[in-house]
């Protein structure tokens, strides 16, 4: 563990992988070590980014080993599964939460309506050669990993779709256009319009590409069976959620999905209480700056941000220092 000693300058390291979390890390770094920093003189705060999808699986282990003081991942139930040794790690990790930022999302599956698919098992039973867009596969991204797990419960996999003559594409996912310059191919929306793509199995449902895709082409959302949801909960603690009817064009029914909500900021249980308190406090003190980075109806982060909102999700237990801050703010854990 990187030692934090208030009698000497400290080096506080945050793992904030990916575009959105790196921006959040910058706000927290400034909040902790700005002009009126509560840290010892000469202290530094650093934010670190690596492959965002991979770090959702590897980050908890790195924080557990003390490479970083804090990490960020989504969804919280997956962080818990990793900390319990059910996913990615074969041993328990001593991790707790500092905050879960409000982010309403699901992992869902949609197919072109003209294919006549109304259930996930239709794909299996009819051996449909779908051309499907997904997040990076396996443990390169939680969104790709959960697709594997859902299909596994139905008795088939992405490789089966390919063996039937289909195509699985995990390289055209670019919800942030400014970061899509390296993708040398058509967008998902254009592929759907041109009849080159049949399905999207993905998350980030709150972002604009989902509206654009469903506005461009008639799509059918597929519900995950309740028995499958229960098995995934038993195995991994996966939470279920509902995509309400009317969310998208022609979506005339509720859709049962896997919950992907919440940006979980976590740390080791033995992080000094003072630092857990300060990190949590910094989010609330700079809530307006954080909210300002994510404006509009297609924001990946939901406003408002408050002490009560940050401690409402309880997949992981909270650090004692974070609890002290929330209690001082009159917030109720899990409330």
C-alpha atoms as a PDB file:
ATOM      1  CA  UNK A   1       0.000   0.000   0.000  1.00  0.00           C
ATOM      2  CA  UNK A   2       1.273   3.502  -0.851  1.00  0.00           C
ATOM      3  CA  UNK A   3       1.835   5.134   2.550  1.00  0.00           C
ATOM      4  CA  UNK A   4      -0.115   8.271   3.404  1.00  0.00           C
ATOM      5  CA  UNK A   5       1.649  10.224   6.153  1.00  0.00           C
ATOM      6  CA  UNK A   6       0.239  13.611   7.142  1.00  0.00           C
ATOM      7  CA  UNK A   7       3.650  14.684   8.472  1.00  0.00           C
ATOM      8  CA  UNK A   8       5.179  14.528   4.977  1.00  0.00           C
ATOM      9  CA  UNK A   9       4.052  15.254   1.404  1.00  0.00           C
ATOM     10  CA  UNK A  10       1.867  12.485   0.048  1.00  0.00           C
ATOM     11  CA  UNK A  11       1.383  11.116  -3.439  1.00  0.00           C
ATOM     12  CA  UNK A  12      -2.258  10.158  -3.897  1.00  0.00           C
ATOM     13  CA  UNK A  13      -3.004   8.041  -6.960  1.00  0.00           C
ATOM     14  CA  UNK A  14      -6.438   7.598  -8.517  1.00  0.00           C
ATOM     15  CA  UNK A  15      -7.241   5.075 -11.256  1.00  0.00           C
ATOM     16  CA  UNK A  16      -9.815   6.836 -13.434  1.00  0.00           C
ATOM     17  CA  UNK A  17      -9.697   4.915 -16.725  1.00  0.00           C
ATOM     18  CA  UNK A  18     -11.400   6.222 -19.834  1.00  0.00           C
ATOM     19  CA  UNK A  19     -12.683   9.569 -21.039  1.00  0.00           C
ATOM     20  CA  UNK A  20     -15.532  10.250 -18.610  1.00  0.00           C
ATOM     21  CA  UNK A  21     -13.802   9.013 -15.474  1.00  0.00           C
ATOM     22  CA  UNK A  22     -10.576  10.842 -16.304  1.00  0.00           C
ATOM     23  CA  UNK A  23     -12.534  14.094 -16.468  1.00  0.00           C
ATOM     24  CA  UNK A  24     -14.069  13.332 -13.100  1.00  0.00           C
ATOM     25  CA  UNK A  25     -10.637  12.493 -11.709  1.00  0.00           C
ATOM     26  CA  UNK A  26      -9.352  15.905 -12.771  1.00  0.00           C
ATOM     27  CA  UNK A  27     -12.103  17.614 -10.767  1.00  0.00           C
ATOM     28  CA  UNK A  28     -11.356  15.465  -7.714  1.00  0.00           C
ATOM     29  CA  UNK A  29      -7.616  16.101  -8.019  1.00  0.00           C
ATOM     30  CA  UNK A  30      -8.192  19.845  -8.052  1.00  0.00           C
ATOM     31  CA  UNK A  31     -10.649  19.576  -5.164  1.00  0.00           C
ATOM     32  CA  UNK A  32      -8.124  17.710  -3.057  1.00  0.00           C
ATOM     33  CA  UNK A  33      -5.053  19.704  -3.957  1.00  0.00           C
ATOM     34  CA  UNK A  34      -6.151  23.149  -5.107  1.00  0.00           C
ATOM     35  CA  UNK A  35      -5.243  26.507  -3.605  1.00  0.00           C
ATOM     36  CA  UNK A  36      -6.687  25.571  -0.225  1.00  0.00           C
ATOM     37  CA  UNK A  37      -5.590  21.947  -0.113  1.00  0.00           C
ATOM     38  CA  UNK A  38      -6.073  20.080   3.173  1.00  0.00           C
ATOM     39  CA  UNK A  39      -3.111  17.846   2.307  1.00  0.00           C
ATOM     40  CA  UNK A  40       0.462  18.300   3.578  1.00  0.00           C
ATOM     41  CA  UNK A  41       2.435  20.937   1.674  1.00  0.00           C
ATOM     42  CA  UNK A  42       4.144  19.505  -1.403  1.00  0.00           C
ATOM     43  CA  UNK A  43       1.594  16.706  -1.873  1.00  0.00           C
ATOM     44  CA  UNK A  44       0.616  15.544  -5.350  1.00  0.00           C
ATOM     45  CA  UNK A  45      -2.575  14.031  -6.724  1.00  0.00           C
ATOM     46  CA  UNK A  46      -2.400  12.014  -9.931  1.00  0.00           C
ATOM     47  CA  UNK A  47      -5.108  10.506 -12.093  1.00  0.00           C
ATOM     48  CA  UNK A  48      -4.268   7.471 -14.219  1.00  0.00           C
ATOM     49  CA  UNK A  49      -5.976   6.038 -17.258  1.00  0.00           C
ATOM     50  CA  UNK A  50      -5.555   2.696 -18.991  1.00  0.00           C
ATOM     51  CA  UNK A  51      -7.851   0.629 -21.219  1.00  0.00           C
ATOM     52  CA  UNK A  52     -11.193   1.610 -19.698  1.00  0.00           C
ATOM     53  CA  UNK A  53     -12.936  -1.720 -20.296  1.00  0.00           C
ATOM     54  CA  UNK A  54     -10.073  -3.886 -19.077  1.00  0.00           C
ATOM     55  CA  UNK A  55      -9.574  -1.750 -15.976  1.00  0.00           C
ATOM     56  CA  UNK A  56     -13.159  -2.464 -14.893  1.00  0.00           C
ATOM     57  CA  UNK A  57     -11.892  -6.006 -14.275  1.00  0.00           C
ATOM     58  CA  UNK A  58      -8.237  -5.384 -13.407  1.00  0.00           C
ATOM     59  CA  UNK A  59      -8.595  -2.124 -11.472  1.00  0.00           C
ATOM     60  CA  UNK A  60     -10.019  -3.655  -8.283  1.00  0.00           C
ATOM     61  CA  UNK A  61      -6.997  -5.945  -7.981  1.00  0.00           C
ATOM     62  CA  UNK A  62      -4.618  -3.013  -8.565  1.00  0.00           C
ATOM     63  CA  UNK A  63      -6.305  -0.983  -5.827  1.00  0.00           C
ATOM     64  CA  UNK A  64      -6.307  -4.005  -3.521  1.00  0.00           C
ATOM     65  CA  UNK A  65      -2.547  -4.368  -4.079  1.00  0.00           C
ATOM     66  CA  UNK A  66      -1.976  -0.683  -3.339  1.00  0.00           C
ATOM     67  CA  UNK A  67      -0.883   0.394  -6.815  1.00  0.00           C
ATOM     68  CA  UNK A  68      -3.615   3.058  -6.657  1.00  0.00           C
ATOM     69  CA  UNK A  69      -5.486   4.497  -3.695  1.00  0.00           C
ATOM     70  CA  UNK A  70      -8.855   4.654  -5.451  1.00  0.00           C
ATOM     71  CA  UNK A  71     -10.423   3.166  -8.553  1.00  0.00           C
ATOM     72  CA  UNK A  72     -13.577   3.663 -10.577  1.00  0.00           C
ATOM     73  CA  UNK A  73     -15.730   1.126 -12.348  1.00  0.00           C
ATOM     74  CA  UNK A  74     -19.261   0.294 -13.420  1.00  0.00           C
ATOM     75  CA  UNK A  75     -21.620  -1.303 -12.571  1.00  0.00           C
ATOM     76  CA  UNK A  76     -21.227  -1.537  -8.758  1.00  0.00           C
ATOM     77  CA  UNK A  77     -22.544  -5.119  -8.592  1.00  0.00           C
ATOM     78  CA  UNK A  78     -19.659  -6.197 -10.823  1.00  0.00           C
ATOM     79  CA  UNK A  79     -17.119  -4.506  -8.526  1.00  0.00           C
ATOM     80  CA  UNK A  80     -18.653  -6.478  -5.676  1.00  0.00           C
ATOM     81  CA  UNK A  81     -18.479  -9.748  -7.652  1.00  0.00           C
ATOM     82  CA  UNK A  82     -14.806  -9.112  -8.381  1.00  0.00           C
ATOM     83  CA  UNK A  83     -14.106  -8.236  -4.745  1.00  0.00           C
ATOM     84  CA  UNK A  84     -15.750 -11.523  -3.700  1.00  0.00           C
ATOM     85  CA  UNK A  85     -13.577 -13.540  -6.092  1.00  0.00           C
ATOM     86  CA  UNK A  86     -16.508 -14.505  -8.347  1.00  0.00           C
ATOM     87  CA  UNK A  87     -15.203 -12.703 -11.436  1.00  0.00           C
ATOM     88  CA  UNK A  88     -11.681 -11.918 -12.716  1.00  0.00           C
ATOM     89  CA  UNK A  89      -9.972 -12.662  -9.383  1.00  0.00           C
ATOM     90  CA  UNK A  90      -9.839 -16.030  -7.623  1.00  0.00           C
ATOM     91  CA  UNK A  91      -9.458 -14.462  -4.187  1.00  0.00           C
ATOM     92  CA  UNK A  92     -11.306 -11.886  -2.125  1.00  0.00           C
ATOM     93  CA  UNK A  93     -10.313  -8.225  -2.352  1.00  0.00           C
ATOM     94  CA  UNK A  94     -10.702  -5.898   0.632  1.00  0.00           C
ATOM     95  CA  UNK A  95     -12.586  -3.117  -1.146  1.00  0.00           C
ATOM     96  CA  UNK A  96     -15.230  -0.635  -0.030  1.00  0.00           C
ATOM     97  CA  UNK A  97     -17.091   2.208  -1.708  1.00  0.00           C
ATOM     98  CA  UNK A  98     -16.533   5.927  -1.335  1.00  0.00           C
ATOM     99  CA  UNK A  99     -19.386   7.001  -3.612  1.00  0.00           C
ATOM    100  CA  UNK A 100     -21.576   5.791  -6.458  1.00  0.00           C
ATOM    101  CA  UNK A 101     -22.281   8.563  -8.921  1.00  0.00           C
ATOM    102  CA  UNK A 102     -25.755   8.600 -10.514  1.00  0.00           C
ATOM    103  CA  UNK A 103     -25.700   7.020 -13.948  1.00  0.00           C
ATOM    104  CA  UNK A 104     -28.841   5.261 -15.188  1.00  0.00           C
ATOM    105  CA  UNK A 105     -28.034   2.523 -17.653  1.00  0.00           C
ATOM    106  CA  UNK A 106     -28.892  -1.021 -18.725  1.00  0.00           C
ATOM    107  CA  UNK A 107     -27.354  -3.681 -20.919  1.00  0.00           C
ATOM    108  CA  UNK A 108     -29.886  -4.545 -23.590  1.00  0.00           C
ATOM    109  CA  UNK A 109     -30.300  -6.337 -26.908  1.00  0.00           C
ATOM    110  CA  UNK A 110     -32.117  -5.048 -29.966  1.00  0.00           C
ATOM    111  CA  UNK A 111     -32.568  -6.502 -33.450  1.00  0.00           C
ATOM    112  CA  UNK A 112     -34.057  -5.281 -36.710  1.00  0.00           C
ATOM    113  CA  UNK A 113     -37.831  -5.664 -36.553  1.00  0.00           C
ATOM    114  CA  UNK A 114     -38.007  -7.139 -40.050  1.00  0.00           C
ATOM    115  CA  UNK A 115     -36.121 -10.238 -38.834  1.00  0.00           C
ATOM    116  CA  UNK A 116     -39.180 -11.351 -36.864  1.00  0.00           C
ATOM    117  CA  UNK A 117     -37.157 -12.057 -33.715  1.00  0.00           C
ATOM    118  CA  UNK A 118     -39.137 -11.519 -30.516  1.00  0.00           C
ATOM    119  CA  UNK A 119     -37.172 -13.650 -28.021  1.00  0.00           C
ATOM    120  CA  UNK A 120     -33.476 -14.256 -27.452  1.00  0.00           C
ATOM    121  CA  UNK A 121     -33.971 -17.983 -27.927  1.00  0.00           C
ATOM    122  CA  UNK A 122     -35.268 -17.315 -31.459  1.00  0.00           C
ATOM    123  CA  UNK A 123     -31.681 -16.525 -32.432  1.00  0.00           C
ATOM    124  CA  UNK A 124     -30.535 -19.888 -31.078  1.00  0.00           C
ATOM    125  CA  UNK A 125     -33.421 -21.974 -32.363  1.00  0.00           C
ATOM    126  CA  UNK A 126     -33.369 -20.509 -35.878  1.00  0.00           C
ATOM    127  CA  UNK A 127     -29.558 -20.260 -35.997  1.00  0.00           C
ATOM    128  CA  UNK A 128     -29.886 -16.740 -37.325  1.00  0.00           C
ATOM    129  CA  UNK A 129     -26.614 -15.418 -38.846  1.00  0.00           C
ATOM    130  CA  UNK A 130     -26.868 -12.029 -37.172  1.00  0.00           C
ATOM    131  CA  UNK A 131     -24.476  -9.217 -37.907  1.00  0.00           C
ATOM    132  CA  UNK A 132     -24.284  -7.790 -34.421  1.00  0.00           C
ATOM    133  CA  UNK A 133     -22.459  -4.838 -32.887  1.00  0.00           C
ATOM    134  CA  UNK A 134     -21.200  -5.317 -29.322  1.00  0.00           C
ATOM    135  CA  UNK A 135     -18.739  -3.676 -26.897  1.00  0.00           C
ATOM    136  CA  UNK A 136     -15.209  -5.116 -26.757  1.00  0.00           C
ATOM    137  CA  UNK A 137     -15.470  -8.846 -26.107  1.00  0.00           C
ATOM    138  CA  UNK A 138     -14.972 -10.806 -22.925  1.00  0.00           C
ATOM    139  CA  UNK A 139     -12.939  -9.145 -20.199  1.00  0.00           C
ATOM    140  CA  UNK A 140     -12.037  -6.232 -22.435  1.00  0.00           C
ATOM    141  CA  UNK A 141     -15.290  -4.586 -21.346  1.00  0.00           C
ATOM    142  CA  UNK A 142     -18.109  -5.312 -18.848  1.00  0.00           C
ATOM    143  CA  UNK A 143     -20.634  -4.740 -21.629  1.00  0.00           C
ATOM    144  CA  UNK A 144     -19.125  -7.496 -23.761  1.00  0.00           C
ATOM    145  CA  UNK A 145     -18.623  -9.796 -20.787  1.00  0.00           C
ATOM    146  CA  UNK A 146     -22.274  -9.641 -19.697  1.00  0.00           C
ATOM    147  CA  UNK A 147     -23.453 -10.443 -23.240  1.00  0.00           C
ATOM    148  CA  UNK A 148     -21.390 -13.628 -23.086  1.00  0.00           C
ATOM    149  CA  UNK A 149     -22.962 -14.509 -19.741  1.00  0.00           C
ATOM    150  CA  UNK A 150     -26.545 -13.846 -20.870  1.00  0.00           C
ATOM    151  CA  UNK A 151     -26.160 -15.913 -24.047  1.00  0.00           C
ATOM    152  CA  UNK A 152     -24.460 -18.680 -22.060  1.00  0.00           C
ATOM    153  CA  UNK A 153     -27.641 -19.030 -19.995  1.00  0.00           C
ATOM    154  CA  UNK A 154     -29.586 -19.500 -23.235  1.00  0.00           C
ATOM    155  CA  UNK A 155     -27.211 -22.229 -24.400  1.00  0.00           C
ATOM    156  CA  UNK A 156     -25.341 -20.472 -27.199  1.00  0.00           C
ATOM    157  CA  UNK A 157     -22.594 -17.913 -27.683  1.00  0.00           C
ATOM    158  CA  UNK A 158     -21.221 -15.265 -30.017  1.00  0.00           C
ATOM    159  CA  UNK A 159     -18.979 -17.861 -31.675  1.00  0.00           C
ATOM    160  CA  UNK A 160     -22.123 -19.832 -32.563  1.00  0.00           C
ATOM    161  CA  UNK A 161     -23.560 -16.767 -34.317  1.00  0.00           C
ATOM    162  CA  UNK A 162     -20.349 -16.540 -36.331  1.00  0.00           C
ATOM    163  CA  UNK A 163     -20.466 -20.267 -37.145  1.00  0.00           C
ATOM    164  CA  UNK A 164     -23.976 -19.776 -38.555  1.00  0.00           C
ATOM    165  CA  UNK A 165     -22.580 -17.209 -40.998  1.00  0.00           C
ATOM    166  CA  UNK A 166     -23.080 -14.129 -38.858  1.00  0.00           C
ATOM    167  CA  UNK A 167     -20.590 -11.465 -37.874  1.00  0.00           C
ATOM    168  CA  UNK A 168     -19.743 -10.058 -34.454  1.00  0.00           C
ATOM    169  CA  UNK A 169     -18.295  -6.543 -34.621  1.00  0.00           C
ATOM    170  CA  UNK A 170     -16.720  -5.004 -31.530  1.00  0.00           C
ATOM    171  CA  UNK A 171     -14.659  -2.268 -33.176  1.00  0.00           C
ATOM    172  CA  UNK A 172     -17.271   0.291 -34.237  1.00  0.00           C
ATOM    173  CA  UNK A 173     -18.471   1.318 -30.784  1.00  0.00           C
ATOM    174  CA  UNK A 174     -17.780   5.052 -30.595  1.00  0.00           C
ATOM    175  CA  UNK A 175     -20.464   6.895 -28.616  1.00  0.00           C
ATOM    176  CA  UNK A 176     -18.144   9.917 -28.236  1.00  0.00           C
ATOM    177  CA  UNK A 177     -17.557  11.189 -31.755  1.00  0.00           C
ATOM    178  CA  UNK A 178     -14.433  13.143 -30.760  1.00  0.00           C
ATOM    179  CA  UNK A 179     -12.781   9.842 -29.838  1.00  0.00           C
ATOM    180  CA  UNK A 180     -13.925   7.958 -32.945  1.00  0.00           C
ATOM    181  CA  UNK A 181     -11.291   9.223 -35.372  1.00  0.00           C
ATOM    182  CA  UNK A 182      -9.355   5.953 -35.143  1.00  0.00           C
ATOM    183  CA  UNK A 183     -12.373   3.873 -36.213  1.00  0.00           C
ATOM    184  CA  UNK A 184     -11.860   3.531 -39.946  1.00  0.00           C
ATOM    185  CA  UNK A 185     -15.313   2.240 -40.787  1.00  0.00           C
ATOM    186  CA  UNK A 186     -18.928   3.301 -40.962  1.00  0.00           C
ATOM    187  CA  UNK A 187     -20.770   4.176 -37.778  1.00  0.00           C
ATOM    188  CA  UNK A 188     -23.307   1.737 -36.353  1.00  0.00           C
ATOM    189  CA  UNK A 189     -26.111   4.072 -37.380  1.00  0.00           C
ATOM    190  CA  UNK A 190     -24.945   4.135 -40.996  1.00  0.00           C
ATOM    191  CA  UNK A 191     -24.500   0.357 -41.040  1.00  0.00           C
ATOM    192  CA  UNK A 192     -28.066  -0.093 -39.783  1.00  0.00           C
ATOM    193  CA  UNK A 193     -29.368   2.298 -42.422  1.00  0.00           C
ATOM    194  CA  UNK A 194     -27.429   0.510 -45.153  1.00  0.00           C
ATOM    195  CA  UNK A 195     -28.603  -2.934 -44.053  1.00  0.00           C
ATOM    196  CA  UNK A 196     -25.115  -4.015 -43.006  1.00  0.00           C
ATOM    197  CA  UNK A 197     -25.936  -4.539 -39.324  1.00  0.00           C
ATOM    198  CA  UNK A 198     -28.819  -6.526 -37.819  1.00  0.00           C
ATOM    199  CA  UNK A 199     -28.488  -6.102 -34.068  1.00  0.00           C
ATOM    200  CA  UNK A 200     -26.916  -4.146 -31.227  1.00  0.00           C
ATOM    201  CA  UNK A 201     -26.140  -5.846 -27.907  1.00  0.00           C
ATOM    202  CA  UNK A 202     -24.727  -3.134 -25.675  1.00  0.00           C
ATOM    203  CA  UNK A 203     -25.073  -0.682 -22.785  1.00  0.00           C
ATOM    204  CA  UNK A 204     -24.703   3.156 -22.504  1.00  0.00           C
ATOM    205  CA  UNK A 205     -28.436   3.288 -23.242  1.00  0.00           C
ATOM    206  CA  UNK A 206     -28.713   6.920 -22.103  1.00  0.00           C
ATOM    207  CA  UNK A 207     -26.430   8.276 -24.831  1.00  0.00           C
ATOM    208  CA  UNK A 208     -27.622   9.785 -28.102  1.00  0.00           C
ATOM    209  CA  UNK A 209     -26.517   6.985 -30.459  1.00  0.00           C
ATOM    210  CA  UNK A 210     -29.301   4.751 -29.118  1.00  0.00           C
ATOM    211  CA  UNK A 211     -31.947   7.327 -30.019  1.00  0.00           C
ATOM    212  CA  UNK A 212     -30.330   7.907 -33.400  1.00  0.00           C
ATOM    213  CA  UNK A 213     -30.248   4.181 -34.178  1.00  0.00           C
ATOM    214  CA  UNK A 214     -33.860   3.536 -33.190  1.00  0.00           C
ATOM    215  CA  UNK A 215     -34.998   6.656 -35.051  1.00  0.00           C
ATOM    216  CA  UNK A 216     -33.187   5.506 -38.193  1.00  0.00           C
ATOM    217  CA  UNK A 217     -34.353   1.868 -38.302  1.00  0.00           C
ATOM    218  CA  UNK A 218     -37.295  -0.070 -36.859  1.00  0.00           C
ATOM    219  CA  UNK A 219     -35.839  -2.108 -34.014  1.00  0.00           C
ATOM    220  CA  UNK A 220     -37.172  -4.754 -31.624  1.00  0.00           C
ATOM    221  CA  UNK A 221     -35.860  -4.908 -28.036  1.00  0.00           C
ATOM    222  CA  UNK A 222     -35.482  -8.389 -26.509  1.00  0.00           C
ATOM    223  CA  UNK A 223     -36.216  -9.064 -22.849  1.00  0.00           C
ATOM    224  CA  UNK A 224     -34.039 -11.344 -20.732  1.00  0.00           C
ATOM    225  CA  UNK A 225     -36.161 -14.094 -19.153  1.00  0.00           C
ATOM    226  CA  UNK A 226     -36.764 -13.833 -15.432  1.00  0.00           C
ATOM    227  CA  UNK A 227     -35.200 -17.252 -14.820  1.00  0.00           C
ATOM    228  CA  UNK A 228     -32.023 -16.118 -16.598  1.00  0.00           C
ATOM    229  CA  UNK A 229     -31.932 -12.904 -14.576  1.00  0.00           C
ATOM    230  CA  UNK A 230     -32.244 -14.902 -11.362  1.00  0.00           C
ATOM    231  CA  UNK A 231     -29.412 -17.247 -12.361  1.00  0.00           C
ATOM    232  CA  UNK A 232     -27.130 -14.337 -13.191  1.00  0.00           C
ATOM    233  CA  UNK A 233     -27.966 -12.753  -9.860  1.00  0.00           C
ATOM    234  CA  UNK A 234     -27.127 -15.983  -8.036  1.00  0.00           C
ATOM    235  CA  UNK A 235     -23.828 -16.404  -9.884  1.00  0.00           C
ATOM    236  CA  UNK A 236     -22.543 -12.839 -10.041  1.00  0.00           C
ATOM    237  CA  UNK A 237     -24.894 -10.630  -8.069  1.00  0.00           C
ATOM    238  CA  UNK A 238     -26.099  -9.099 -11.335  1.00  0.00           C
ATOM    239  CA  UNK A 239     -28.993  -6.705 -10.784  1.00  0.00           C
ATOM    240  CA  UNK A 240     -31.976  -6.598 -13.099  1.00  0.00           C
ATOM    241  CA  UNK A 241     -33.632  -3.455 -14.403  1.00  0.00           C
ATOM    242  CA  UNK A 242     -36.435  -2.408 -16.710  1.00  0.00           C
ATOM    243  CA  UNK A 243     -36.217  -0.328 -19.852  1.00  0.00           C
ATOM    244  CA  UNK A 244     -39.662   1.281 -19.695  1.00  0.00           C
ATOM    245  CA  UNK A 245     -42.033   1.197 -22.642  1.00  0.00           C
ATOM    246  CA  UNK A 246     -41.833   4.302 -24.791  1.00  0.00           C
ATOM    247  CA  UNK A 247     -38.194   5.023 -24.087  1.00  0.00           C
ATOM    248  CA  UNK A 248     -37.451   4.594 -27.787  1.00  0.00           C
ATOM    249  CA  UNK A 249     -39.464   4.791 -30.998  1.00  0.00           C
ATOM    250  CA  UNK A 250     -41.762   1.785 -31.515  1.00  0.00           C
ATOM    251  CA  UNK A 251     -40.842   0.319 -28.115  1.00  0.00           C
ATOM    252  CA  UNK A 252     -44.344  -0.549 -26.934  1.00  0.00           C
ATOM    253  CA  UNK A 253     -43.467  -2.775 -23.964  1.00  0.00           C
ATOM    254  CA  UNK A 254     -41.215  -2.851 -20.915  1.00  0.00           C
ATOM    255  CA  UNK A 255     -37.933  -4.669 -21.538  1.00  0.00           C
ATOM    256  CA  UNK A 256     -36.234  -6.754 -18.819  1.00  0.00           C
ATOM    257  CA  UNK A 257     -32.506  -6.055 -18.802  1.00  0.00           C
ATOM    258  CA  UNK A 258     -29.302  -6.271 -16.768  1.00  0.00           C
ATOM    259  CA  UNK A 259     -28.739  -3.152 -14.692  1.00  0.00           C
ATOM    260  CA  UNK A 260     -25.574  -1.208 -15.570  1.00  0.00           C
ATOM    261  CA  UNK A 261     -26.228   1.905 -13.497  1.00  0.00           C
ATOM    262  CA  UNK A 262     -23.744   3.702 -11.295  1.00  0.00           C
ATOM    263  CA  UNK A 263     -20.123   4.845 -11.424  1.00  0.00           C
ATOM    264  CA  UNK A 264     -18.549   3.230  -8.378  1.00  0.00           C
ATOM    265  CA  UNK A 265     -15.614   5.020  -6.735  1.00  0.00           C
ATOM    266  CA  UNK A 266     -13.911   2.468  -4.482  1.00  0.00           C
ATOM    267  CA  UNK A 267     -10.805   2.013  -2.317  1.00  0.00           C
ATOM    268  CA  UNK A 268      -9.204  -0.387   0.135  1.00  0.00           C
ATOM    269  CA  UNK A 269     -10.898  -0.706   3.494  1.00  0.00           C
ATOM    270  CA  UNK A 270      -7.703   0.415   5.252  1.00  0.00           C
ATOM    271  CA  UNK A 271      -7.381   3.704   3.353  1.00  0.00           C
ATOM    272  CA  UNK A 272      -6.879   6.244   6.173  1.00  0.00           C
ATOM    273  CA  UNK A 273     -10.247   7.594   7.238  1.00  0.00           C
ATOM    274  CA  UNK A 274      -9.202  11.196   6.721  1.00  0.00           C
ATOM    275  CA  UNK A 275      -8.493  10.579   3.021  1.00  0.00           C
ATOM    276  CA  UNK A 276     -11.720   8.695   2.431  1.00  0.00           C
ATOM    277  CA  UNK A 277     -13.566  11.610   4.016  1.00  0.00           C
ATOM    278  CA  UNK A 278     -11.721  14.197   1.903  1.00  0.00           C
ATOM    279  CA  UNK A 279     -12.300  12.395  -1.404  1.00  0.00           C
ATOM    280  CA  UNK A 280     -16.008  12.011  -0.690  1.00  0.00           C
ATOM    281  CA  UNK A 281     -16.271  15.607   0.449  1.00  0.00           C
ATOM    282  CA  UNK A 282     -14.542  16.810  -2.722  1.00  0.00           C
ATOM    283  CA  UNK A 283     -17.248  15.275  -4.931  1.00  0.00           C
ATOM    284  CA  UNK A 284     -20.035  17.102  -3.115  1.00  0.00           C
ATOM    285  CA  UNK A 285     -18.107  20.371  -2.844  1.00  0.00           C
ATOM    286  CA  UNK A 286     -17.508  20.300  -6.589  1.00  0.00           C
ATOM    287  CA  UNK A 287     -20.846  18.815  -7.609  1.00  0.00           C
ATOM    288  CA  UNK A 288     -21.722  21.804  -9.792  1.00  0.00           C
ATOM    289  CA  UNK A 289     -18.497  21.404 -11.789  1.00  0.00           C
ATOM    290  CA  UNK A 290     -19.138  17.685 -12.240  1.00  0.00           C
ATOM    291  CA  UNK A 291     -22.744  18.286 -13.302  1.00  0.00           C
ATOM    292  CA  UNK A 292     -21.564  20.996 -15.688  1.00  0.00           C
ATOM    293  CA  UNK A 293     -19.374  18.521 -17.555  1.00  0.00           C
ATOM    294  CA  UNK A 294     -22.371  16.334 -18.361  1.00  0.00           C
ATOM    295  CA  UNK A 295     -25.249  18.577 -19.479  1.00  0.00           C
ATOM    296  CA  UNK A 296     -28.287  17.815 -21.588  1.00  0.00           C
ATOM    297  CA  UNK A 297     -30.748  14.957 -22.059  1.00  0.00           C
ATOM    298  CA  UNK A 298     -28.147  12.453 -23.310  1.00  0.00           C
ATOM    299  CA  UNK A 299     -25.663  12.883 -20.487  1.00  0.00           C
ATOM    300  CA  UNK A 300     -23.915   9.729 -19.234  1.00  0.00           C
ATOM    301  CA  UNK A 301     -24.190  11.137 -15.712  1.00  0.00           C
ATOM    302  CA  UNK A 302     -27.467  12.055 -14.033  1.00  0.00           C
ATOM    303  CA  UNK A 303     -27.979  15.255 -12.049  1.00  0.00           C
ATOM    304  CA  UNK A 304     -28.254  16.397  -9.365  1.00  0.00           C
ATOM    305  CA  UNK A 305     -25.284  15.080  -7.416  1.00  0.00           C
ATOM    306  CA  UNK A 306     -25.726  15.217  -3.644  1.00  0.00           C
ATOM    307  CA  UNK A 307     -24.486  13.430  -0.556  1.00  0.00           C
ATOM    308  CA  UNK A 308     -27.703  11.411  -0.395  1.00  0.00           C
ATOM    309  CA  UNK A 309     -27.476  10.349  -4.028  1.00  0.00           C
ATOM    310  CA  UNK A 310     -23.839   9.287  -3.674  1.00  0.00           C
ATOM    311  CA  UNK A 311     -24.540   6.860  -0.825  1.00  0.00           C
ATOM    312  CA  UNK A 312     -27.813   5.359  -2.070  1.00  0.00           C
ATOM    313  CA  UNK A 313     -26.321   2.357  -3.922  1.00  0.00           C
ATOM    314  CA  UNK A 314     -25.045  -0.252  -1.467  1.00  0.00           C
ATOM    315  CA  UNK A 315     -23.601  -3.084  -3.572  1.00  0.00           C
ATOM    316  CA  UNK A 316     -20.340  -2.509  -1.705  1.00  0.00           C
ATOM    317  CA  UNK A 317     -20.171  -1.433   1.954  1.00  0.00           C
ATOM    318  CA  UNK A 318     -18.986   2.140   2.442  1.00  0.00           C
ATOM    319  CA  UNK A 319     -15.680   3.235   3.922  1.00  0.00           C
ATOM    320  CA  UNK A 320     -15.907   4.538   7.495  1.00  0.00           C
ATOM    321  CA  UNK A 321     -14.540   7.922   6.406  1.00  0.00           C
ATOM    322  CA  UNK A 322     -17.178   8.248   3.696  1.00  0.00           C
ATOM    323  CA  UNK A 323     -19.893   7.226   6.164  1.00  0.00           C
ATOM    324  CA  UNK A 324     -18.758   9.944   8.569  1.00  0.00           C
ATOM    325  CA  UNK A 325     -19.032  12.550   5.816  1.00  0.00           C
ATOM    326  CA  UNK A 326     -22.459  11.367   4.687  1.00  0.00           C
ATOM    327  CA  UNK A 327     -23.788  11.320   8.246  1.00  0.00           C
ATOM    328  CA  UNK A 328     -22.543  14.882   8.803  1.00  0.00           C
ATOM    329  CA  UNK A 329     -24.487  15.871   5.671  1.00  0.00           C
ATOM    330  CA  UNK A 330     -27.655  14.246   6.993  1.00  0.00           C
ATOM    331  CA  UNK A 331     -27.570  11.575   4.306  1.00  0.00           C
ATOM    332  CA  UNK A 332     -28.714   8.015   4.972  1.00  0.00           C
ATOM    333  CA  UNK A 333     -26.718   5.098   3.572  1.00  0.00           C
ATOM    334  CA  UNK A 334     -28.951   3.229   1.152  1.00  0.00           C
ATOM    335  CA  UNK A 335     -31.653   5.880   1.558  1.00  0.00           C
END
